[in-house]
Amino acid sequence: MEIDKEKSTILLMHGSGLSHIVWSFHEQFYSTQGFNILSVDLPGHGNSEGPSLKSIEEISDWIKSLMTKLNIEKIIIIGHSQGALVGIDFAARYPKFILSLVLVAGTYKMPVNQDLIDYAEAGDEKAILLMMKWGYEGSKAFIGGNPVKKIINSSREIREILAVDLNACNNYKDGKESLKKISCPTLCIFGDLDKMVPLEVGNKMASMINKSETKIINNCGHMIIFEKAFEMRKLVKEFLTKK
């Protein structure tokens, strides 16, 4: 792909078990605001080959390798859920390579319910049902069906992709120390009804990051990128284009 050297590059980082498809409401919008867009599928996810990466640190290293391959010097990371955890780790470990950071429905520590991990490792669809139950405000219906179920739609994907991601989140222990090392401008966006990252947890994390600001979207659960995509885009645009 061609990277316009005159523009800043946004890397969109999806959450556990998902793919770049979750950014369908966002890619074109940010592109029209004058940014290069890297909407990635992690290894083993979506259109990417290979086994899923087993740790948050490995994912950060993979991003750095991708930047080297594409000759990108600095990026802006917008990460949702697990993607936010990756953004925190990357910003802490590779501060020279990040311009700014947007953490969406994320926090520095993401312990995963053992039942959810057990179901995922068994390839059981109950893992998806639990994710949908906890992930959406009021488990609201989506036109055309729930997007999570559309992306993770086989026992193999639950076992080989989702379970690996959930364990990576569960095993990441350096988050608190990583927060202290973040030096780039950071925007934290939370949903006021998020069951996975409750507001008090999110606010506590945001208070530990220098140069951070917090925005709260009302009547919204964990899947802000779907539930309130237009409100989120506006907040991100204002943050990234601030003089």
Protein backbone atom coordinates (compact mmCIF):
# COMPACT_ATOMS: atom_id res chain seq x y z
CA MET A 1 0.00 0.00 0.00
CA GLU A 2 1.04 3.60 -0.60
CA ILE A 3 1.68 5.79 2.44
CA ASP A 4 1.49 9.54 1.84
CA LYS A 5 4.52 10.96 3.64
CA GLU A 6 2.78 14.33 3.97
CA LYS A 7 0.04 12.85 6.17
CA SER A 8 0.00 11.37 9.66
CA THR A 9 -0.92 7.68 9.83
CA ILE A 10 -3.67 6.28 12.05
CA LEU A 11 -3.49 2.61 13.01
CA LEU A 12 -6.89 1.18 13.97
CA MET A 13 -6.49 -1.71 16.41
CA HIS A 14 -9.43 -4.08 16.92
CA GLY A 15 -10.41 -5.99 20.06
CA SER A 16 -10.34 -9.66 21.05
CA GLY A 17 -11.32 -12.14 18.35
CA LEU A 18 -12.39 -9.43 15.93
CA SER A 19 -10.98 -7.91 12.71
CA HIS A 20 -10.68 -4.65 10.81
CA ILE A 21 -14.37 -4.94 9.88
CA VAL A 22 -15.27 -3.34 13.22
CA TRP A 23 -13.90 -0.04 11.90
CA SER A 24 -16.25 0.18 8.91
CA PHE A 25 -17.93 3.30 10.32
CA HIS A 26 -14.55 4.96 10.92
CA GLU A 27 -12.03 4.27 8.15
CA GLN A 28 -13.41 6.52 5.43
CA PHE A 29 -14.23 9.30 7.89
CA TYR A 30 -10.67 9.59 9.22
CA SER A 31 -9.31 9.28 5.70
CA THR A 32 -11.37 12.31 4.61
CA GLN A 33 -9.87 14.24 7.54
CA GLY A 34 -6.44 13.96 5.94
CA PHE A 35 -4.92 10.86 7.54
CA ASN A 36 -3.39 7.68 6.16
CA ILE A 37 -5.42 4.77 7.55
CA LEU A 38 -3.98 1.39 8.56
CA SER A 39 -6.99 -0.72 9.50
CA VAL A 40 -5.23 -3.96 10.40
CA ASP A 41 -6.14 -7.58 10.98
CA LEU A 42 -3.80 -9.08 13.56
CA PRO A 43 -2.12 -12.36 12.52
CA GLY A 44 -4.70 -15.16 12.38
CA HIS A 45 -7.58 -12.67 12.32
CA GLY A 46 -9.74 -11.68 9.37
CA ASN A 47 -7.64 -11.76 6.21
CA SER A 48 -4.28 -12.18 7.97
CA GLU A 49 -2.50 -15.52 7.90
CA GLY A 50 -0.56 -17.24 10.62
CA PRO A 51 -1.26 -18.15 14.24
CA SER A 52 -2.66 -15.55 16.61
CA LEU A 53 -0.06 -13.74 18.71
CA LYS A 54 -0.09 -14.94 22.31
CA SER A 55 0.79 -11.77 24.23
CA ILE A 56 0.11 -8.05 24.19
CA GLU A 57 3.85 -7.42 23.95
CA GLU A 58 4.11 -9.60 20.81
CA ILE A 59 1.34 -7.57 19.21
CA SER A 60 3.20 -4.32 19.98
CA ASP A 61 6.34 -5.77 18.42
CA TRP A 62 4.31 -6.83 15.37
CA ILE A 63 3.07 -3.24 14.94
CA LYS A 64 6.64 -1.96 15.13
CA SER A 65 7.68 -4.49 12.45
CA LEU A 66 4.75 -3.41 10.28
CA MET A 67 5.85 0.22 10.59
CA THR A 68 9.38 -0.71 9.53
CA LYS A 69 8.07 -2.65 6.54
CA LEU A 70 5.88 0.26 5.42
CA ASN A 71 8.56 2.84 6.23
CA ILE A 72 6.34 4.71 8.71
CA GLU A 73 8.23 6.72 11.30
CA LYS A 74 5.40 7.58 13.73
CA ILE A 75 1.78 6.52 14.15
CA ILE A 76 -1.40 7.47 15.91
CA ILE A 77 -3.01 4.43 17.54
CA ILE A 78 -6.78 4.21 18.04
CA GLY A 79 -7.40 1.01 20.00
CA HIS A 80 -10.64 -0.52 21.20
CA SER A 81 -10.77 -2.85 24.23
CA GLN A 82 -7.83 -5.25 23.73
CA GLY A 83 -6.62 -2.80 21.10
CA ALA A 84 -6.41 -0.15 23.84
CA LEU A 85 -4.24 -2.49 25.91
CA VAL A 86 -1.95 -2.83 22.88
CA GLY A 87 -1.88 0.96 22.51
CA ILE A 88 -0.86 1.38 26.15
CA ASP A 89 1.94 -1.18 25.80
CA PHE A 90 3.19 0.24 22.49
CA ALA A 91 3.20 3.84 23.73
CA ALA A 92 5.15 2.81 26.83
CA ARG A 93 7.73 0.67 25.05
CA TYR A 94 8.09 2.60 21.77
CA PRO A 95 7.54 6.26 22.78
CA LYS A 96 9.59 7.61 19.86
CA PHE A 97 7.28 5.97 17.36
CA ILE A 98 3.88 7.25 18.49
CA LEU A 99 2.34 10.68 17.92
CA SER A 100 -0.82 10.28 19.96
CA LEU A 101 -3.05 7.62 21.46
CA VAL A 102 -6.81 7.10 21.60
CA LEU A 103 -8.03 4.48 24.10
CA VAL A 104 -11.63 3.40 23.49
CA ALA A 105 -13.38 1.36 26.21
CA GLY A 106 -10.01 0.25 27.49
CA THR A 107 -7.99 0.06 30.64
CA TYR A 108 -4.52 -1.08 31.70
CA LYS A 109 -5.66 -4.34 33.29
CA MET A 110 -8.20 -6.67 31.68
CA PRO A 111 -8.77 -9.78 33.75
CA VAL A 112 -11.06 -12.14 31.84
CA ASN A 113 -13.83 -14.19 33.42
CA GLN A 114 -12.67 -17.82 33.71
CA ASP A 115 -15.95 -19.15 32.33
CA LEU A 116 -15.43 -17.06 29.21
CA ILE A 117 -11.88 -18.38 28.76
CA ASP A 118 -13.02 -21.98 29.33
CA TYR A 119 -15.82 -21.69 26.76
CA ALA A 120 -13.48 -20.04 24.24
CA GLU A 121 -10.75 -22.66 24.65
CA ALA A 122 -13.38 -25.35 24.05
CA GLY A 123 -14.60 -23.59 20.90
CA ASP A 124 -18.03 -23.21 22.52
CA GLU A 125 -20.40 -20.59 21.08
CA LYS A 126 -21.38 -19.69 24.64
CA ALA A 127 -18.20 -17.58 24.63
CA ILE A 128 -19.75 -15.34 21.97
CA LEU A 129 -23.06 -15.17 23.82
CA LEU A 130 -21.27 -14.09 27.00
CA MET A 131 -19.30 -11.45 25.11
CA MET A 132 -22.47 -10.07 23.57
CA LYS A 133 -24.27 -10.10 26.91
CA TRP A 134 -21.50 -8.16 28.66
CA GLY A 135 -20.39 -6.10 25.70
CA TYR A 136 -23.52 -4.28 24.64
CA GLU A 137 -25.64 -1.79 26.50
CA GLY A 138 -28.91 -3.65 27.12
CA SER A 139 -27.84 -6.35 24.59
CA LYS A 140 -29.52 -4.20 21.95
CA ALA A 141 -30.39 -5.69 18.59
CA PHE A 142 -28.41 -4.67 15.52
CA ILE A 143 -29.82 -4.29 12.04
CA GLY A 144 -28.71 -7.36 10.12
CA GLY A 145 -27.55 -9.18 13.25
CA ASN A 146 -24.85 -8.74 15.85
CA PRO A 147 -21.46 -7.86 14.28
CA VAL A 148 -19.43 -9.89 16.81
CA LYS A 149 -21.25 -13.08 15.89
CA LYS A 150 -20.71 -12.34 12.21
CA ILE A 151 -16.94 -11.99 12.62
CA ILE A 152 -16.38 -14.93 15.00
CA ASN A 153 -18.56 -17.55 13.41
CA SER A 154 -16.93 -20.95 13.84
CA SER A 155 -15.73 -23.21 16.62
CA ARG A 156 -12.19 -23.04 15.20
CA GLU A 157 -12.17 -19.22 15.29
CA ILE A 158 -13.43 -19.22 18.88
CA ARG A 159 -10.71 -21.68 19.91
CA GLU A 160 -7.74 -20.46 17.82
CA ILE A 161 -8.37 -16.71 17.75
CA LEU A 162 -10.70 -15.52 20.49
CA ALA A 163 -9.30 -17.79 23.22
CA VAL A 164 -5.71 -16.73 22.42
CA ASP A 165 -6.70 -13.04 22.57
CA LEU A 166 -8.57 -13.42 25.85
CA ASN A 167 -5.58 -15.13 27.43
CA ALA A 168 -3.28 -12.37 26.13
CA CYS A 169 -5.46 -9.77 27.88
CA ASN A 170 -5.71 -11.83 31.04
CA ASN A 171 -1.93 -12.35 31.21
CA TYR A 172 -0.84 -8.74 30.62
CA LYS A 173 0.54 -7.54 33.96
CA ASP A 174 2.66 -4.49 33.06
CA GLY A 175 -0.22 -2.09 32.44
CA LYS A 176 0.12 0.06 35.54
CA GLU A 177 3.83 0.65 34.95
CA SER A 178 3.18 1.20 31.25
CA LEU A 179 0.72 4.02 32.00
CA LYS A 180 3.45 5.97 33.79
CA LYS A 181 5.67 5.78 30.70
CA ILE A 182 3.13 7.20 28.22
CA SER A 183 4.33 10.62 27.12
CA CYS A 184 2.22 11.31 24.03
CA PRO A 185 -1.14 13.17 24.06
CA THR A 186 -3.83 10.61 24.99
CA LEU A 187 -7.62 10.61 24.67
CA CYS A 188 -9.67 8.14 26.73
CA ILE A 189 -13.24 7.47 25.60
CA PHE A 190 -15.67 5.53 27.79
CA GLY A 191 -19.31 4.49 27.63
CA ASP A 192 -21.25 5.35 30.77
CA LEU A 193 -23.00 1.94 30.76
CA ASP A 194 -19.92 -0.20 29.97
CA LYS A 195 -20.01 -3.43 32.01
CA MET A 196 -16.54 -4.60 30.89
CA VAL A 197 -14.73 -1.34 31.72
CA PRO A 198 -16.92 0.43 34.29
CA LEU A 199 -16.62 4.20 34.34
CA GLU A 200 -14.86 4.33 37.71
CA VAL A 201 -12.22 1.90 36.41
CA GLY A 202 -11.73 3.93 33.23
CA ASN A 203 -11.50 7.24 35.05
CA LYS A 204 -8.94 5.82 37.46
CA MET A 205 -6.79 4.70 34.54
CA ALA A 206 -7.09 8.04 32.73
CA SER A 207 -5.94 9.88 35.87
CA MET A 208 -2.69 7.90 35.77
CA ILE A 209 -1.72 9.08 32.26
CA ASN A 210 0.09 12.37 31.75
CA LYS A 211 -1.30 14.61 29.00
CA SER A 212 -4.57 12.68 28.91
CA GLU A 213 -8.13 13.85 28.52
CA THR A 214 -11.32 11.90 29.07
CA LYS A 215 -14.62 11.91 27.19
CA ILE A 216 -17.71 9.99 28.26
CA ILE A 217 -20.43 8.94 25.82
CA ASN A 218 -23.88 8.59 27.38
CA ASN A 219 -26.23 5.63 26.94
CA CYS A 220 -23.38 3.53 25.61
CA GLY A 221 -21.83 0.19 26.55
CA HIS A 222 -18.50 -1.40 25.70
CA MET A 223 -18.86 -1.52 21.91
CA ILE A 224 -18.59 2.24 21.41
CA ILE A 225 -17.21 1.75 17.88
CA PHE A 226 -20.60 0.30 16.85
CA GLU A 227 -23.03 1.72 19.36
CA LYS A 228 -22.03 5.38 19.13
CA ALA A 229 -19.71 5.48 16.12
CA PHE A 230 -20.65 8.99 15.01
CA GLU A 231 -20.24 10.51 18.47
CA MET A 232 -16.90 8.76 18.85
CA ARG A 233 -15.64 9.94 15.46
CA LYS A 234 -16.44 13.55 16.35
CA LEU A 235 -14.50 13.31 19.62
CA VAL A 236 -11.50 11.71 17.91
CA LYS A 237 -11.50 14.31 15.13
CA GLU A 238 -11.54 17.16 17.67
CA PHE A 239 -8.68 15.57 19.59
CA LEU A 240 -6.48 14.85 16.57
CA THR A 241 -7.00 18.20 14.84
CA LYS A 242 -6.52 20.32 17.95
CA LYS A 243 -3.94 23.01 17.46
